[in-house]
Amino acid sequence: MMLKTEWKEKGYADEPIPAGIDLKKEIRRMAQEKNAVIMAHYYVSGEIQDLADFVGDSLALAQQAAKTDADIIVMCGVHFMGETNKILCPNKKVLVPDLNATCSLAESCRAEEFEDFVKAHPDHTVISYVNTTAATKAVTDVVVTSGNARQIVESFPKDEKIIFAPDQNLGGYINSITGRQMLLWNGACHVHERFSLEKILLMKQQHPEAKVLVHPECKGPVVRVADKVGSTAALLKFAIQDDAQEFIVATESGILHEMQKRCPEKTFLPAPPNDSTCACNECNYMKLITMEKLYNCLKYEWPTVEVDPQVAAQAVRPINRMLEISAQLGL
């Protein structure tokens, strides 16, 4: 058995799984016994999505965390999502199966550098994407997700000076459709940055009836060829409701599991990346969350997500403001 000190160095409980164990059955048993809710983002593996109590995008996961009565929240997603849950539920135990599951967007906006940037523009309202650390949220006025960013930006007066961070592609997209001139932080998602416009156009030639679904974290040229631009949840909803039978999907490929599950008669094609050394459009951080790590996470109730109370007290305000505005707008 590996010592727990070694687990801490690894960031997850690296305990061998007993031979012959039914992982799904045991995970569900432990969740029930411990009054734990398992929440999963659309980008984790399909088998974990199928096992979870709740599957959603960042907005839905935050909303669910805010109202859960579970004693333990197991966040099958990246670290900032666990932080958001802990900020909203400070008295609950929040677990993430692997603490190494970070986010390239969050990493692109270090709190110290961002705080200096904010101080250099004191007359600006600060809007930060949910894909940020708690410390970055602490110097933010309101948090947004890709599902509510446009509506929240438009809730401010047209002449409001706004800093938008960290995703320059999402911010640029919102500027283009609202006529705003928000000041953008230079950050991006490593998955959505690498979609290839040329390869998507080639796929479109091969599948002329397919509709192109694009996440707004993608670069402008990719966004401009989309039939639908939207958050993960919005793309899923469009795929379910639209009459098209084929879709080219330019976002993390984990969402294809739910799309195919909800629409078994339709075909969903993952848009290819521009990097010839990478054949997929997966988030390598999301894919760190495995069934084995989820099992050990529940068994040992570790690793936990902790947020400094002072940081949490500051970070909860922009998150709550997002939830309040979203509720007012019916999002």
Protein backbone atom coordinates (compact mmCIF):
# COMPACT_ATOMS: atom_id res chain seq x y z
CA MET A 1 0.00 0.00 0.00
CA MET A 2 1.29 3.45 -0.89
CA LEU A 3 1.81 5.85 2.01
CA LYS A 4 -0.52 8.82 2.18
CA THR A 5 2.48 11.17 2.11
CA GLU A 6 3.22 9.76 -1.35
CA TRP A 7 -0.42 10.24 -2.34
CA LYS A 8 -0.11 13.92 -1.48
CA GLU A 9 2.93 14.23 -3.70
CA LYS A 10 1.00 12.62 -6.55
CA GLY A 11 -2.15 14.68 -5.92
CA TYR A 12 -4.43 11.65 -5.79
CA ALA A 13 -4.84 8.42 -3.83
CA ASP A 14 -2.81 5.94 -5.85
CA GLU A 15 -4.16 2.82 -4.17
CA PRO A 16 -4.51 -0.40 -6.21
CA ILE A 17 -8.12 -1.38 -6.85
CA PRO A 18 -9.01 -4.82 -5.44
CA ALA A 19 -9.30 -7.48 -8.14
CA GLY A 20 -12.80 -8.29 -9.30
CA ILE A 21 -14.43 -5.23 -7.77
CA ASP A 22 -17.42 -3.69 -9.53
CA LEU A 23 -16.26 -0.07 -9.62
CA LYS A 24 -19.61 1.43 -10.60
CA LYS A 25 -21.50 -0.49 -7.95
CA GLU A 26 -18.99 0.32 -5.21
CA ILE A 27 -18.82 4.01 -6.12
CA ARG A 28 -22.59 4.29 -5.99
CA ARG A 29 -22.71 2.37 -2.69
CA MET A 30 -20.13 4.65 -1.06
CA ALA A 31 -21.84 7.77 -2.38
CA GLN A 32 -25.12 6.68 -0.81
CA GLU A 33 -23.54 5.69 2.51
CA LYS A 34 -21.56 8.92 2.80
CA ASN A 35 -24.35 11.19 1.52
CA ALA A 36 -22.07 12.28 -1.30
CA VAL A 37 -23.22 13.81 -4.58
CA ILE A 38 -21.11 13.08 -7.66
CA MET A 39 -21.08 15.93 -10.14
CA ALA A 40 -19.43 15.68 -13.54
CA HIS A 41 -18.63 18.10 -16.31
CA TYR A 42 -19.49 17.18 -19.89
CA TYR A 43 -15.77 16.94 -20.69
CA VAL A 44 -14.89 14.00 -18.42
CA SER A 45 -15.12 10.45 -19.74
CA GLY A 46 -18.51 9.04 -20.67
CA GLU A 47 -18.43 6.28 -18.05
CA ILE A 48 -18.05 8.88 -15.30
CA GLN A 49 -20.83 11.01 -16.78
CA ASP A 50 -23.11 7.97 -16.74
CA LEU A 51 -22.27 7.32 -13.09
CA ALA A 52 -22.72 10.88 -11.84
CA ASP A 53 -25.75 12.23 -9.99
CA PHE A 54 -25.57 15.41 -12.02
CA VAL A 55 -23.87 16.26 -15.33
CA GLY A 56 -23.63 19.79 -16.66
CA ASP A 57 -21.59 22.74 -17.83
CA SER A 58 -19.90 25.24 -15.51
CA LEU A 59 -23.02 27.31 -14.87
CA ALA A 60 -25.22 24.31 -14.13
CA LEU A 61 -22.60 22.76 -11.85
CA ALA A 62 -22.30 25.99 -9.84
CA GLN A 63 -26.08 26.26 -9.57
CA GLN A 64 -26.33 22.66 -8.43
CA ALA A 65 -23.58 23.05 -5.84
CA ALA A 66 -25.31 26.10 -4.38
CA LYS A 67 -28.45 24.11 -3.58
CA THR A 68 -27.25 20.58 -2.77
CA ASP A 69 -27.96 19.09 0.65
CA ALA A 70 -25.21 16.46 0.37
CA ASP A 71 -22.47 16.27 3.00
CA ILE A 72 -19.78 15.61 0.39
CA ILE A 73 -19.46 17.01 -3.12
CA VAL A 74 -17.27 15.01 -5.50
CA MET A 75 -16.42 17.25 -8.43
CA CYS A 76 -15.41 15.22 -11.46
CA GLY A 77 -13.88 18.05 -13.38
CA VAL A 78 -10.97 20.44 -13.07
CA HIS A 79 -9.67 22.14 -9.94
CA PHE A 80 -11.34 25.54 -10.33
CA MET A 81 -14.72 23.78 -10.39
CA GLY A 82 -13.93 22.20 -7.03
CA GLU A 83 -12.90 25.61 -5.72
CA THR A 84 -16.19 27.12 -6.89
CA ASN A 85 -18.08 24.38 -5.06
CA LYS A 86 -16.06 24.94 -1.88
CA ILE A 87 -16.61 28.70 -2.04
CA LEU A 88 -20.36 28.21 -2.40
CA CYS A 89 -20.47 25.39 0.20
CA PRO A 90 -17.77 26.21 2.79
CA ASN A 91 -19.18 23.76 5.35
CA LYS A 92 -19.22 20.80 3.00
CA LYS A 93 -16.35 18.50 2.14
CA VAL A 94 -15.42 19.01 -1.51
CA LEU A 95 -13.34 16.38 -3.30
CA VAL A 96 -11.65 16.32 -6.70
CA PRO A 97 -10.29 12.89 -7.71
CA ASP A 98 -7.00 14.34 -8.97
CA LEU A 99 -5.63 17.73 -7.88
CA ASN A 100 -3.45 17.80 -11.00
CA ALA A 101 -6.58 18.42 -13.06
CA THR A 102 -5.99 22.11 -13.55
CA CYS A 103 -7.16 24.37 -16.42
CA SER A 104 -5.06 26.09 -19.07
CA LEU A 105 -7.37 29.12 -18.94
CA ALA A 106 -7.06 29.44 -15.17
CA GLU A 107 -3.30 29.00 -15.42
CA SER A 108 -3.11 31.77 -18.03
CA CYS A 109 -4.46 34.31 -15.53
CA ARG A 110 -2.33 34.27 -12.39
CA ALA A 111 -3.94 36.22 -9.57
CA GLU A 112 -0.93 38.41 -8.78
CA GLU A 113 -0.50 39.54 -12.38
CA PHE A 114 -4.22 40.02 -12.86
CA GLU A 115 -4.53 42.10 -9.69
CA ASP A 116 -1.80 44.42 -11.01
CA PHE A 117 -3.69 44.67 -14.32
CA VAL A 118 -6.92 45.53 -12.51
CA LYS A 119 -5.17 48.18 -10.38
CA ALA A 120 -3.81 49.75 -13.56
CA HIS A 121 -7.41 50.24 -14.80
CA PRO A 122 -9.28 51.39 -11.66
CA ASP A 123 -12.26 52.78 -13.57
CA HIS A 124 -13.18 49.39 -15.08
CA THR A 125 -15.72 46.81 -13.96
CA VAL A 126 -14.01 43.43 -13.77
CA ILE A 127 -15.75 40.45 -15.37
CA SER A 128 -13.97 37.12 -15.06
CA TYR A 129 -14.77 33.82 -16.66
CA VAL A 130 -15.55 31.01 -14.23
CA ASN A 131 -12.43 29.24 -15.55
CA THR A 132 -10.22 31.07 -13.04
CA THR A 133 -8.72 30.37 -9.65
CA ALA A 134 -10.41 31.50 -6.45
CA ALA A 135 -7.70 34.11 -6.00
CA THR A 136 -8.46 35.61 -9.41
CA LYS A 137 -12.17 35.60 -8.68
CA ALA A 138 -11.39 37.51 -5.48
CA VAL A 139 -10.40 40.59 -7.52
CA THR A 140 -13.46 40.30 -9.78
CA ASP A 141 -16.79 42.12 -9.71
CA VAL A 142 -18.86 39.41 -11.40
CA VAL A 143 -18.11 35.93 -12.70
CA VAL A 144 -19.57 34.61 -15.96
CA THR A 145 -19.73 31.33 -17.86
CA SER A 146 -19.89 30.83 -21.60
CA GLY A 147 -23.61 30.23 -21.13
CA ASN A 148 -24.39 33.60 -19.56
CA ALA A 149 -21.45 35.85 -20.50
CA ARG A 150 -23.25 37.80 -23.22
CA GLN A 151 -26.36 38.42 -21.12
CA ILE A 152 -24.40 39.52 -18.07
CA VAL A 153 -22.19 41.84 -20.12
CA GLU A 154 -25.30 43.36 -21.68
CA SER A 155 -26.81 43.89 -18.23
CA PHE A 156 -24.27 46.69 -17.74
CA PRO A 157 -24.70 50.12 -19.35
CA LYS A 158 -23.35 50.35 -22.89
CA ASP A 159 -20.71 52.89 -21.86
CA GLU A 160 -19.47 50.78 -18.94
CA LYS A 161 -15.71 50.24 -19.05
CA ILE A 162 -15.12 46.53 -18.63
CA ILE A 163 -12.14 44.24 -18.18
CA PHE A 164 -12.88 40.72 -19.43
CA ALA A 165 -10.61 37.86 -18.43
CA PRO A 166 -9.05 35.48 -19.08
CA ASP A 167 -10.37 34.16 -22.40
CA GLN A 168 -9.57 36.59 -25.19
CA ASN A 169 -11.52 34.53 -27.73
CA LEU A 170 -14.73 34.51 -25.70
CA GLY A 171 -14.25 38.18 -24.87
CA GLY A 172 -13.61 39.03 -28.52
CA TYR A 173 -16.72 37.12 -29.57
CA ILE A 174 -18.86 39.01 -27.05
CA ASN A 175 -17.38 42.31 -28.23
CA SER A 176 -18.26 41.40 -31.83
CA ILE A 177 -21.91 40.58 -31.14
CA THR A 178 -22.63 43.33 -28.60
CA GLY A 179 -20.62 46.22 -30.02
CA ARG A 180 -18.74 46.51 -26.72
CA GLN A 181 -15.08 47.36 -26.47
CA MET A 182 -14.12 45.39 -23.41
CA LEU A 183 -10.47 45.32 -22.44
CA LEU A 184 -9.37 41.71 -22.90
CA TRP A 185 -6.86 39.71 -20.92
CA ASN A 186 -4.56 37.60 -23.10
CA GLY A 187 -5.59 34.06 -22.16
CA ALA A 188 -6.96 31.04 -24.02
CA CYS A 189 -8.01 27.41 -23.67
CA HIS A 190 -5.46 24.94 -25.06
CA VAL A 191 -8.24 22.75 -26.51
CA HIS A 192 -10.34 25.42 -28.20
CA GLU A 193 -7.30 27.33 -29.49
CA ARG A 194 -6.13 24.44 -31.62
CA PHE A 195 -9.15 23.78 -33.82
CA SER A 196 -8.27 24.03 -37.49
CA LEU A 197 -10.45 26.18 -39.75
CA GLU A 198 -9.03 24.51 -42.84
CA LYS A 199 -9.78 21.01 -41.53
CA ILE A 200 -13.28 22.00 -40.50
CA LEU A 201 -13.94 23.39 -44.00
CA LEU A 202 -12.61 20.15 -45.47
CA MET A 203 -14.94 18.15 -43.22
CA LYS A 204 -17.78 20.39 -44.34
CA GLN A 205 -17.01 19.51 -47.97
CA GLN A 206 -17.10 15.82 -47.05
CA HIS A 207 -20.30 16.25 -45.04
CA PRO A 208 -22.15 19.11 -46.78
CA GLU A 209 -25.37 18.59 -44.80
CA ALA A 210 -23.61 18.69 -41.43
CA LYS A 211 -24.09 21.70 -39.19
CA VAL A 212 -21.07 23.16 -37.42
CA LEU A 213 -21.32 23.65 -33.65
CA VAL A 214 -18.66 25.90 -32.12
CA HIS A 215 -17.80 26.92 -28.58
CA PRO A 216 -17.07 30.67 -28.23
CA GLU A 217 -13.65 29.91 -26.73
CA CYS A 218 -12.55 29.05 -30.28
CA LYS A 219 -10.70 31.55 -32.44
CA GLY A 220 -12.68 34.06 -34.49
CA PRO A 221 -12.24 32.40 -37.93
CA VAL A 222 -13.63 29.11 -36.55
CA VAL A 223 -16.53 30.89 -34.84
CA ARG A 224 -17.47 32.63 -38.09
CA VAL A 225 -18.15 29.35 -39.93
CA ALA A 226 -20.48 28.05 -37.20
CA ASP A 227 -24.14 27.31 -37.62
CA LYS A 228 -24.43 27.57 -33.85
CA VAL A 229 -22.11 29.26 -31.35
CA GLY A 230 -22.74 28.53 -27.72
CA SER A 231 -21.77 27.02 -24.40
CA THR A 232 -21.49 23.27 -24.04
CA ALA A 233 -25.07 23.08 -22.77
CA ALA A 234 -26.31 25.35 -25.57
CA LEU A 235 -24.63 23.22 -28.24
CA LEU A 236 -26.19 20.11 -26.72
CA LYS A 237 -29.64 21.72 -26.71
CA PHE A 238 -29.25 22.82 -30.34
CA ALA A 239 -28.19 19.32 -31.42
CA ILE A 240 -31.24 17.81 -29.72
CA GLN A 241 -33.72 20.29 -31.19
CA ASP A 242 -32.34 20.82 -34.70
CA ASP A 243 -33.48 18.70 -37.64
CA ALA A 244 -29.97 18.12 -38.99
CA GLN A 245 -28.71 14.54 -38.86
CA GLU A 246 -24.97 15.32 -38.87
CA PHE A 247 -22.96 17.78 -36.77
CA ILE A 248 -19.32 18.83 -36.74
CA VAL A 249 -18.54 19.69 -33.12
CA ALA A 250 -15.78 22.17 -32.27
CA THR A 251 -15.45 21.81 -28.54
CA GLU A 252 -13.94 19.24 -26.17
CA SER A 253 -14.93 15.80 -27.40
CA GLY A 254 -16.39 14.67 -24.06
CA ILE A 255 -19.68 16.37 -24.96
CA LEU A 256 -20.16 13.92 -27.85
CA HIS A 257 -21.02 11.23 -25.30
CA GLU A 258 -24.11 13.10 -24.09
CA MET A 259 -25.00 14.25 -27.60
CA GLN A 260 -24.96 10.69 -28.89
CA LYS A 261 -26.80 9.46 -25.82
CA ARG A 262 -29.58 12.00 -26.30
CA CYS A 263 -29.67 11.67 -30.09
CA PRO A 264 -28.72 8.10 -31.01
CA GLU A 265 -30.05 8.51 -34.54
CA LYS A 266 -27.74 11.45 -35.33
CA THR A 267 -24.04 11.56 -36.21
CA PHE A 268 -21.59 13.74 -34.29
CA LEU A 269 -18.14 14.35 -35.76
CA PRO A 270 -15.37 15.83 -33.59
CA ALA A 271 -13.70 18.79 -35.28
CA PRO A 272 -9.97 18.12 -35.77
CA PRO A 273 -7.17 20.16 -34.18
CA ASN A 274 -4.59 22.01 -36.26
CA ASP A 275 -1.70 20.24 -34.52
CA SER A 276 -0.62 17.29 -36.64
CA THR A 277 0.98 15.68 -33.58
CA CYS A 278 -2.40 15.59 -31.80
CA ALA A 279 -5.17 13.47 -33.27
CA CYS A 280 -7.84 14.45 -30.78
CA ASN A 281 -9.57 17.46 -29.25
CA GLU A 282 -9.51 16.27 -25.65
CA CYS A 283 -8.64 18.23 -22.53
CA ASN A 284 -5.78 16.27 -20.99
CA TYR A 285 -6.65 17.76 -17.59
CA MET A 286 -10.27 16.59 -17.66
CA LYS A 287 -9.14 13.15 -18.72
CA LEU A 288 -7.04 12.83 -15.55
CA ILE A 289 -10.30 12.04 -13.78
CA THR A 290 -10.70 8.26 -13.98
CA MET A 291 -13.00 5.69 -12.44
CA GLU A 292 -10.17 4.33 -10.30
CA LYS A 293 -9.35 7.77 -8.91
CA LEU A 294 -13.03 8.44 -8.28
CA TYR A 295 -13.30 5.18 -6.32
CA ASN A 296 -10.27 5.98 -4.15
CA CYS A 297 -11.39 9.57 -3.76
CA LEU A 298 -14.69 8.45 -2.24
CA LYS A 299 -13.11 5.65 -0.24
CA TYR A 300 -10.53 7.86 1.47
CA GLU A 301 -12.45 11.17 1.14
CA TRP A 302 -9.32 12.71 -0.33
CA PRO A 303 -8.02 14.81 -1.99
CA THR A 304 -10.02 17.67 -0.58
CA VAL A 305 -10.26 21.13 -2.10
CA GLU A 306 -9.48 23.93 0.33
CA VAL A 307 -9.80 27.67 -0.22
CA ASP A 308 -8.32 30.26 2.12
CA PRO A 309 -11.27 31.73 4.07
CA GLN A 310 -10.28 35.33 3.29
CA VAL A 311 -9.98 34.55 -0.42
CA ALA A 312 -13.26 32.64 -0.33
CA ALA A 313 -15.05 35.57 1.35
CA GLN A 314 -13.99 37.81 -1.53
CA ALA A 315 -14.49 35.25 -4.28
CA VAL A 316 -18.03 34.28 -3.26
CA ARG A 317 -19.38 37.76 -3.98
CA PRO A 318 -18.81 37.74 -7.78
CA ILE A 319 -20.04 34.13 -7.98
CA ASN A 320 -23.22 34.99 -6.09
CA ARG A 321 -23.67 38.04 -8.26
CA MET A 322 -23.50 35.82 -11.34
CA LEU A 323 -26.10 33.45 -9.88
CA GLU A 324 -28.36 36.37 -8.96
CA ILE A 325 -28.16 37.99 -12.41
CA SER A 326 -28.66 34.62 -14.09
CA ALA A 327 -31.76 34.00 -11.99
CA GLN A 328 -33.12 37.47 -12.81
CA LEU A 329 -32.54 36.85 -16.51
CA GLY A 330 -34.03 33.36 -16.34
CA LEU A 331 -30.82 31.64 -17.41
